Amino acid sequence: MPTVRLNREDCIGCSACAGICPSFWAMNNEDNKTDLKGAEKAQDGWFELEVEERDLECNRQAEDVCPVDVIKVIQ
């Protein structure tokens, strides 16, 4: 199953991902960084979420618009 990963620590909070793919991405008002909805923190500190094939396009667009390259889509 495809996986979306987020290096939240290095997020700059530009909100481009949330704007392009709001069903998976949301800005956190407490620290102004993005959250990957439903993700769990992995041992390496990144957040991970398994997604369906139908959700890849939206998340790839979020990956593409991120100016600091903290989103990875792994198929």
PDB file of N, CA and C in Angstrom:
ATOM      1  N   MET A   1       0.849  -1.186   0.000  1.00  0.00           N
ATOM      2  CA  MET A   1       0.000   0.000   0.000  1.00  0.00           C
ATOM      3  C   MET A   1       0.895   1.249   0.000  1.00  0.00           C
ATOM      4  N   PRO A   2       0.540   2.265  -0.790  1.00  0.00           N
ATOM      5  CA  PRO A   2       1.330   3.501  -0.825  1.00  0.00           C
ATOM      6  C   PRO A   2       1.363   4.191   0.539  1.00  0.00           C
ATOM      7  N   THR A   3       2.454   4.876   0.800  1.00  0.00           N
ATOM      8  CA  THR A   3       2.637   5.559   2.076  1.00  0.00           C
ATOM      9  C   THR A   3       3.000   7.019   1.834  1.00  0.00           C
ATOM     10  N   VAL A   4       2.419   7.899   2.630  1.00  0.00           N
ATOM     11  CA  VAL A   4       2.769   9.313   2.611  1.00  0.00           C
ATOM     12  C   VAL A   4       3.544   9.587   3.894  1.00  0.00           C
ATOM     13  N   ARG A   5       4.659  10.315   3.752  1.00  0.00           N
ATOM     14  CA  ARG A   5       5.502  10.611   4.909  1.00  0.00           C
ATOM     15  C   ARG A   5       5.673  12.122   5.048  1.00  0.00           C
ATOM     16  N   LEU A   6       5.782  12.574   6.282  1.00  0.00           N
ATOM     17  CA  LEU A   6       5.942  13.996   6.582  1.00  0.00           C
ATOM     18  C   LEU A   6       7.055  14.189   7.602  1.00  0.00           C
ATOM     19  N   ASN A   7       8.020  15.028   7.267  1.00  0.00           N
ATOM     20  CA  ASN A   7       9.041  15.462   8.211  1.00  0.00           C
ATOM     21  C   ASN A   7       8.525  16.765   8.828  1.00  0.00           C
ATOM     22  N   ARG A   8       7.674  16.610   9.821  1.00  0.00           N
ATOM     23  CA  ARG A   8       6.972  17.752  10.409  1.00  0.00           C
ATOM     24  C   ARG A   8       7.925  18.741  11.072  1.00  0.00           C
ATOM     25  N   GLU A   9       9.006  18.251  11.634  1.00  0.00           N
ATOM     26  CA  GLU A   9       9.956  19.113  12.332  1.00  0.00           C
ATOM     27  C   GLU A   9      10.503  20.207  11.417  1.00  0.00           C
ATOM     28  N   ASP A  10      10.726  19.880  10.144  1.00  0.00           N
ATOM     29  CA  ASP A  10      11.292  20.844   9.198  1.00  0.00           C
ATOM     30  C   ASP A  10      10.254  21.628   8.413  1.00  0.00           C
ATOM     31  N   CYS A  11       8.975  21.403   8.694  1.00  0.00           N
ATOM     32  CA  CYS A  11       7.898  22.128   8.025  1.00  0.00           C
ATOM     33  C   CYS A  11       7.991  23.618   8.368  1.00  0.00           C
ATOM     34  N   ILE A  12       7.784  24.462   7.351  1.00  0.00           N
ATOM     35  CA  ILE A  12       7.826  25.912   7.581  1.00  0.00           C
ATOM     36  C   ILE A  12       6.429  26.527   7.664  1.00  0.00           C
ATOM     37  N   GLY A  13       5.395  25.708   7.507  1.00  0.00           N
ATOM     38  CA  GLY A  13       4.027  26.187   7.672  1.00  0.00           C
ATOM     39  C   GLY A  13       3.502  27.054   6.556  1.00  0.00           C
ATOM     40  N   CYS A  14       3.927  26.813   5.332  1.00  0.00           N
ATOM     41  CA  CYS A  14       3.463  27.647   4.221  1.00  0.00           C
ATOM     42  C   CYS A  14       2.013  27.350   3.840  1.00  0.00           C
ATOM     43  N   SER A  15       1.498  26.194   4.210  1.00  0.00           N
ATOM     44  CA  SER A  15       0.123  25.730   4.002  1.00  0.00           C
ATOM     45  C   SER A  15      -0.215  25.355   2.558  1.00  0.00           C
ATOM     46  N   ALA A  16       0.763  25.243   1.688  1.00  0.00           N
ATOM     47  CA  ALA A  16       0.493  24.859   0.304  1.00  0.00           C
ATOM     48  C   ALA A  16      -0.127  23.469   0.221  1.00  0.00           C
ATOM     49  N   CYS A  17       0.353  22.531   1.029  1.00  0.00           N
ATOM     50  CA  CYS A  17      -0.180  21.170   1.012  1.00  0.00           C
ATOM     51  C   CYS A  17      -1.645  21.147   1.441  1.00  0.00           C
ATOM     52  N   ALA A  18      -1.970  21.885   2.488  1.00  0.00           N
ATOM     53  CA  ALA A  18      -3.347  21.942   2.977  1.00  0.00           C
ATOM     54  C   ALA A  18      -4.259  22.605   1.954  1.00  0.00           C
ATOM     55  N   GLY A  19      -3.734  23.560   1.214  1.00  0.00           N
ATOM     56  CA  GLY A  19      -4.528  24.234   0.196  1.00  0.00           C
ATOM     57  C   GLY A  19      -4.841  23.349  -0.986  1.00  0.00           C
ATOM     58  N   ILE A  20      -3.898  22.480  -1.342  1.00  0.00           N
ATOM     59  CA  ILE A  20      -4.073  21.652  -2.534  1.00  0.00           C
ATOM     60  C   ILE A  20      -4.700  20.292  -2.232  1.00  0.00           C
ATOM     61  N   CYS A  21      -4.564  19.820  -0.983  1.00  0.00           N
ATOM     62  CA  CYS A  21      -5.061  18.488  -0.631  1.00  0.00           C
ATOM     63  C   CYS A  21      -5.634  18.498   0.795  1.00  0.00           C
ATOM     64  N   PRO A  22      -6.707  19.256   1.018  1.00  0.00           N
ATOM     65  CA  PRO A  22      -7.229  19.430   2.372  1.00  0.00           C
ATOM     66  C   PRO A  22      -7.830  18.172   3.002  1.00  0.00           C
ATOM     67  N   SER A  23      -8.094  17.158   2.225  1.00  0.00           N
ATOM     68  CA  SER A  23      -8.628  15.930   2.810  1.00  0.00           C
ATOM     69  C   SER A  23      -7.571  15.163   3.600  1.00  0.00           C
ATOM     70  N   PHE A  24      -6.291  15.468   3.355  1.00  0.00           N
ATOM     71  CA  PHE A  24      -5.200  14.798   4.067  1.00  0.00           C
ATOM     72  C   PHE A  24      -4.323  15.747   4.886  1.00  0.00           C
ATOM     73  N   TRP A  25      -4.328  17.016   4.551  1.00  0.00           N
ATOM     74  CA  TRP A  25      -3.404  17.966   5.174  1.00  0.00           C
ATOM     75  C   TRP A  25      -4.170  19.107   5.837  1.00  0.00           C
ATOM     76  N   ALA A  26      -3.721  19.504   7.026  1.00  0.00           N
ATOM     77  CA  ALA A  26      -4.361  20.604   7.749  1.00  0.00           C
ATOM     78  C   ALA A  26      -3.315  21.365   8.541  1.00  0.00           C
ATOM     79  N   MET A  27      -3.496  22.661   8.632  1.00  0.00           N
ATOM     80  CA  MET A  27      -2.573  23.470   9.421  1.00  0.00           C
ATOM     81  C   MET A  27      -2.925  23.355  10.899  1.00  0.00           C
ATOM     82  N   ASN A  28      -1.911  23.248  11.724  1.00  0.00           N
ATOM     83  CA  ASN A  28      -2.077  23.152  13.166  1.00  0.00           C
ATOM     84  C   ASN A  28      -1.932  24.556  13.740  1.00  0.00           C
ATOM     85  N   ASN A  29      -2.969  25.045  14.381  1.00  0.00           N
ATOM     86  CA  ASN A  29      -2.969  26.416  14.898  1.00  0.00           C
ATOM     87  C   ASN A  29      -2.039  26.610  16.091  1.00  0.00           C
ATOM     88  N   GLU A  30      -1.645  25.535  16.747  1.00  0.00           N
ATOM     89  CA  GLU A  30      -0.771  25.658  17.915  1.00  0.00           C
ATOM     90  C   GLU A  30       0.667  26.010  17.541  1.00  0.00           C
ATOM     91  N   ASP A  31       1.177  25.421  16.468  1.00  0.00           N
ATOM     92  CA  ASP A  31       2.573  25.693  16.101  1.00  0.00           C
ATOM     93  C   ASP A  31       2.742  26.126  14.643  1.00  0.00           C
ATOM     94  N   ASN A  32       1.614  26.316  13.932  1.00  0.00           N
ATOM     95  CA  ASN A  32       1.627  26.781  12.539  1.00  0.00           C
ATOM     96  C   ASN A  32       2.418  25.875  11.606  1.00  0.00           C
ATOM     97  N   LYS A  33       2.373  24.579  11.870  1.00  0.00           N
ATOM     98  CA  LYS A  33       2.948  23.584  10.972  1.00  0.00           C
ATOM     99  C   LYS A  33       1.810  22.707  10.481  1.00  0.00           C
ATOM    100  N   THR A  34       2.084  21.925   9.439  1.00  0.00           N
ATOM    101  CA  THR A  34       1.039  21.081   8.879  1.00  0.00           C
ATOM    102  C   THR A  34       0.938  19.754   9.617  1.00  0.00           C
ATOM    103  N   ASP A  35      -0.251  19.203   9.594  1.00  0.00           N
ATOM    104  CA  ASP A  35      -0.497  17.860  10.113  1.00  0.00           C
ATOM    105  C   ASP A  35      -0.965  16.983   8.959  1.00  0.00           C
ATOM    106  N   LEU A  36      -0.458  15.764   8.914  1.00  0.00           N
ATOM    107  CA  LEU A  36      -0.939  14.753   7.991  1.00  0.00           C
ATOM    108  C   LEU A  36      -2.016  13.985   8.743  1.00  0.00           C
ATOM    109  N   LYS A  37      -3.254  14.202   8.371  1.00  0.00           N
ATOM    110  CA  LYS A  37      -4.396  13.670   9.117  1.00  0.00           C
ATOM    111  C   LYS A  37      -4.324  12.148   9.243  1.00  0.00           C
ATOM    112  N   GLY A  38      -4.405  11.658  10.466  1.00  0.00           N
ATOM    113  CA  GLY A  38      -4.420  10.227  10.729  1.00  0.00           C
ATOM    114  C   GLY A  38      -3.063   9.560  10.748  1.00  0.00           C
ATOM    115  N   ALA A  39      -2.006  10.331  10.546  1.00  0.00           N
ATOM    116  CA  ALA A  39      -0.656   9.752  10.505  1.00  0.00           C
ATOM    117  C   ALA A  39      -0.155   9.409  11.902  1.00  0.00           C
ATOM    118  N   GLU A  40       0.766   8.463  11.930  1.00  0.00           N
ATOM    119  CA  GLU A  40       1.422   8.078  13.171  1.00  0.00           C
ATOM    120  C   GLU A  40       2.911   8.358  13.055  1.00  0.00           C
ATOM    121  N   LYS A  41       3.526   8.691  14.177  1.00  0.00           N
ATOM    122  CA  LYS A  41       4.946   9.009  14.186  1.00  0.00           C
ATOM    123  C   LYS A  41       5.769   7.722  14.114  1.00  0.00           C
ATOM    124  N   ALA A  42       6.674   7.680  13.158  1.00  0.00           N
ATOM    125  CA  ALA A  42       7.561   6.530  12.971  1.00  0.00           C
ATOM    126  C   ALA A  42       8.799   6.677  13.859  1.00  0.00           C
ATOM    127  N   GLN A  43       9.574   5.624  13.954  1.00  0.00           N
ATOM    128  CA  GLN A  43      10.769   5.635  14.794  1.00  0.00           C
ATOM    129  C   GLN A  43      11.792   6.673  14.343  1.00  0.00           C
ATOM    130  N   ASP A  44      11.798   7.001  13.053  1.00  0.00           N
ATOM    131  CA  ASP A  44      12.768   7.977  12.551  1.00  0.00           C
ATOM    132  C   ASP A  44      12.302   9.425  12.747  1.00  0.00           C
ATOM    133  N   GLY A  45      11.130   9.612  13.383  1.00  0.00           N
ATOM    134  CA  GLY A  45      10.628  10.957  13.650  1.00  0.00           C
ATOM    135  C   GLY A  45       9.677  11.494  12.594  1.00  0.00           C
ATOM    136  N   TRP A  46       9.615  10.868  11.446  1.00  0.00           N
ATOM    137  CA  TRP A  46       8.682  11.266  10.404  1.00  0.00           C
ATOM    138  C   TRP A  46       7.298  10.728  10.745  1.00  0.00           C
ATOM    139  N   PHE A  47       6.259  11.366  10.208  1.00  0.00           N
ATOM    140  CA  PHE A  47       4.896  10.873  10.358  1.00  0.00           C
ATOM    141  C   PHE A  47       4.541  10.102   9.092  1.00  0.00           C
ATOM    142  N   GLU A  48       3.809   8.997   9.251  1.00  0.00           N
ATOM    143  CA  GLU A  48       3.480   8.134   8.122  1.00  0.00           C
ATOM    144  C   GLU A  48       1.997   7.800   8.096  1.00  0.00           C
ATOM    145  N   LEU A  49       1.478   7.672   6.869  1.00  0.00           N
ATOM    146  CA  LEU A  49       0.084   7.291   6.676  1.00  0.00           C
ATOM    147  C   LEU A  49      -0.011   6.456   5.410  1.00  0.00           C
ATOM    148  N   GLU A  50      -0.593   5.260   5.527  1.00  0.00           N
ATOM    149  CA  GLU A  50      -0.865   4.453   4.340  1.00  0.00           C
ATOM    150  C   GLU A  50      -2.125   4.996   3.682  1.00  0.00           C
ATOM    151  N   VAL A  51      -2.080   5.116   2.356  1.00  0.00           N
ATOM    152  CA  VAL A  51      -3.215   5.657   1.609  1.00  0.00           C
ATOM    153  C   VAL A  51      -3.612   4.704   0.495  1.00  0.00           C
ATOM    154  N   GLU A  52      -4.794   4.885  -0.015  1.00  0.00           N
ATOM    155  CA  GLU A  52      -5.283   4.110  -1.149  1.00  0.00           C
ATOM    156  C   GLU A  52      -4.687   4.669  -2.435  1.00  0.00           C
ATOM    157  N   GLU A  53      -4.664   3.841  -3.460  1.00  0.00           N
ATOM    158  CA  GLU A  53      -4.157   4.281  -4.766  1.00  0.00           C
ATOM    159  C   GLU A  53      -4.900   5.525  -5.257  1.00  0.00           C
ATOM    160  N   ARG A  54      -6.191   5.590  -4.995  1.00  0.00           N
ATOM    161  CA  ARG A  54      -7.006   6.721  -5.469  1.00  0.00           C
ATOM    162  C   ARG A  54      -6.608   8.043  -4.807  1.00  0.00           C
ATOM    163  N   ASP A  55      -5.884   7.972  -3.691  1.00  0.00           N
ATOM    164  CA  ASP A  55      -5.475   9.174  -2.970  1.00  0.00           C
ATOM    165  C   ASP A  55      -4.056   9.629  -3.310  1.00  0.00           C
ATOM    166  N   LEU A  56      -3.403   8.925  -4.201  1.00  0.00           N
ATOM    167  CA  LEU A  56      -2.019   9.263  -4.541  1.00  0.00           C
ATOM    168  C   LEU A  56      -1.900  10.617  -5.231  1.00  0.00           C
ATOM    169  N   GLU A  57      -2.756  10.903  -6.181  1.00  0.00           N
ATOM    170  CA  GLU A  57      -2.621  12.136  -6.970  1.00  0.00           C
ATOM    171  C   GLU A  57      -2.654  13.375  -6.087  1.00  0.00           C
ATOM    172  N   CYS A  58      -3.612  13.435  -5.203  1.00  0.00           N
ATOM    173  CA  CYS A  58      -3.738  14.579  -4.296  1.00  0.00           C
ATOM    174  C   CYS A  58      -2.461  14.738  -3.450  1.00  0.00           C
ATOM    175  N   ASN A  59      -1.973  13.636  -2.924  1.00  0.00           N
ATOM    176  CA  ASN A  59      -0.786  13.695  -2.073  1.00  0.00           C
ATOM    177  C   ASN A  59       0.489  13.954  -2.870  1.00  0.00           C
ATOM    178  N   ARG A  60       0.540  13.500  -4.101  1.00  0.00           N
ATOM    179  CA  ARG A  60       1.692  13.834  -4.968  1.00  0.00           C
ATOM    180  C   ARG A  60       1.718  15.334  -5.263  1.00  0.00           C
ATOM    181  N   GLN A  61       0.556  15.913  -5.444  1.00  0.00           N
ATOM    182  CA  GLN A  61       0.487  17.355  -5.665  1.00  0.00           C
ATOM    183  C   GLN A  61       0.975  18.105  -4.426  1.00  0.00           C
ATOM    184  N   ALA A  62       0.597  17.620  -3.247  1.00  0.00           N
ATOM    185  CA  ALA A  62       1.076  18.233  -2.001  1.00  0.00           C
ATOM    186  C   ALA A  62       2.594  18.113  -1.909  1.00  0.00           C
ATOM    187  N   GLU A  63       3.111  16.963  -2.279  1.00  0.00           N
ATOM    188  CA  GLU A  63       4.566  16.753  -2.296  1.00  0.00           C
ATOM    189  C   GLU A  63       5.241  17.743  -3.247  1.00  0.00           C
ATOM    190  N   ASP A  64       4.657  17.921  -4.420  1.00  0.00           N
ATOM    191  CA  ASP A  64       5.241  18.795  -5.444  1.00  0.00           C
ATOM    192  C   ASP A  64       5.248  20.268  -5.040  1.00  0.00           C
ATOM    193  N   VAL A  65       4.217  20.721  -4.319  1.00  0.00           N
ATOM    194  CA  VAL A  65       4.142  22.147  -3.984  1.00  0.00           C
ATOM    195  C   VAL A  65       4.913  22.509  -2.715  1.00  0.00           C
ATOM    196  N   CYS A  66       5.362  21.517  -1.963  1.00  0.00           N
ATOM    197  CA  CYS A  66       6.078  21.814  -0.718  1.00  0.00           C
ATOM    198  C   CYS A  66       7.438  22.445  -1.025  1.00  0.00           C
ATOM    199  N   PRO A  67       7.667  23.679  -0.572  1.00  0.00           N
ATOM    200  CA  PRO A  67       8.913  24.366  -0.914  1.00  0.00           C
ATOM    201  C   PRO A  67      10.139  23.860  -0.151  1.00  0.00           C
ATOM    202  N   VAL A  68       9.927  23.094   0.913  1.00  0.00           N
ATOM    203  CA  VAL A  68      11.071  22.607   1.701  1.00  0.00           C
ATOM    204  C   VAL A  68      11.195  21.096   1.662  1.00  0.00           C
ATOM    205  N   ASP A  69      10.440  20.446   0.790  1.00  0.00           N
ATOM    206  CA  ASP A  69      10.615  19.021   0.505  1.00  0.00           C
ATOM    207  C   ASP A  69      10.469  18.130   1.745  1.00  0.00           C
ATOM    208  N   VAL A  70       9.446  18.394   2.560  1.00  0.00           N
ATOM    209  CA  VAL A  70       9.248  17.590   3.764  1.00  0.00           C
ATOM    210  C   VAL A  70       8.157  16.533   3.600  1.00  0.00           C
ATOM    211  N   ILE A  71       7.586  16.435   2.401  1.00  0.00           N
ATOM    212  CA  ILE A  71       6.556  15.447   2.121  1.00  0.00           C
ATOM    213  C   ILE A  71       7.115  14.458   1.105  1.00  0.00           C
ATOM    214  N   LYS A  72       6.937  13.167   1.397  1.00  0.00           N
ATOM    215  CA  LYS A  72       7.381  12.105   0.483  1.00  0.00           C
ATOM    216  C   LYS A  72       6.230  11.142   0.257  1.00  0.00           C
ATOM    217  N   VAL A  73       5.980  10.808  -0.999  1.00  0.00           N
ATOM    218  CA  VAL A  73       4.989   9.803  -1.346  1.00  0.00           C
ATOM    219  C   VAL A  73       5.755   8.592  -1.854  1.00  0.00           C
ATOM    220  N   ILE A  74       5.547   7.459  -1.188  1.00  0.00           N
ATOM    221  CA  ILE A  74       6.266   6.235  -1.533  1.00  0.00           C
ATOM    222  C   ILE A  74       5.256   5.210  -2.008  1.00  0.00           C
ATOM    223  N   GLN A  75       5.498   4.706  -3.204  1.00  0.00           N
ATOM    224  CA  GLN A  75       4.559   3.752  -3.774  1.00  0.00           C
ATOM    225  C   GLN A  75       5.128   2.368  -3.756  1.00  0.00           C
TER     226      GLN A  75
END
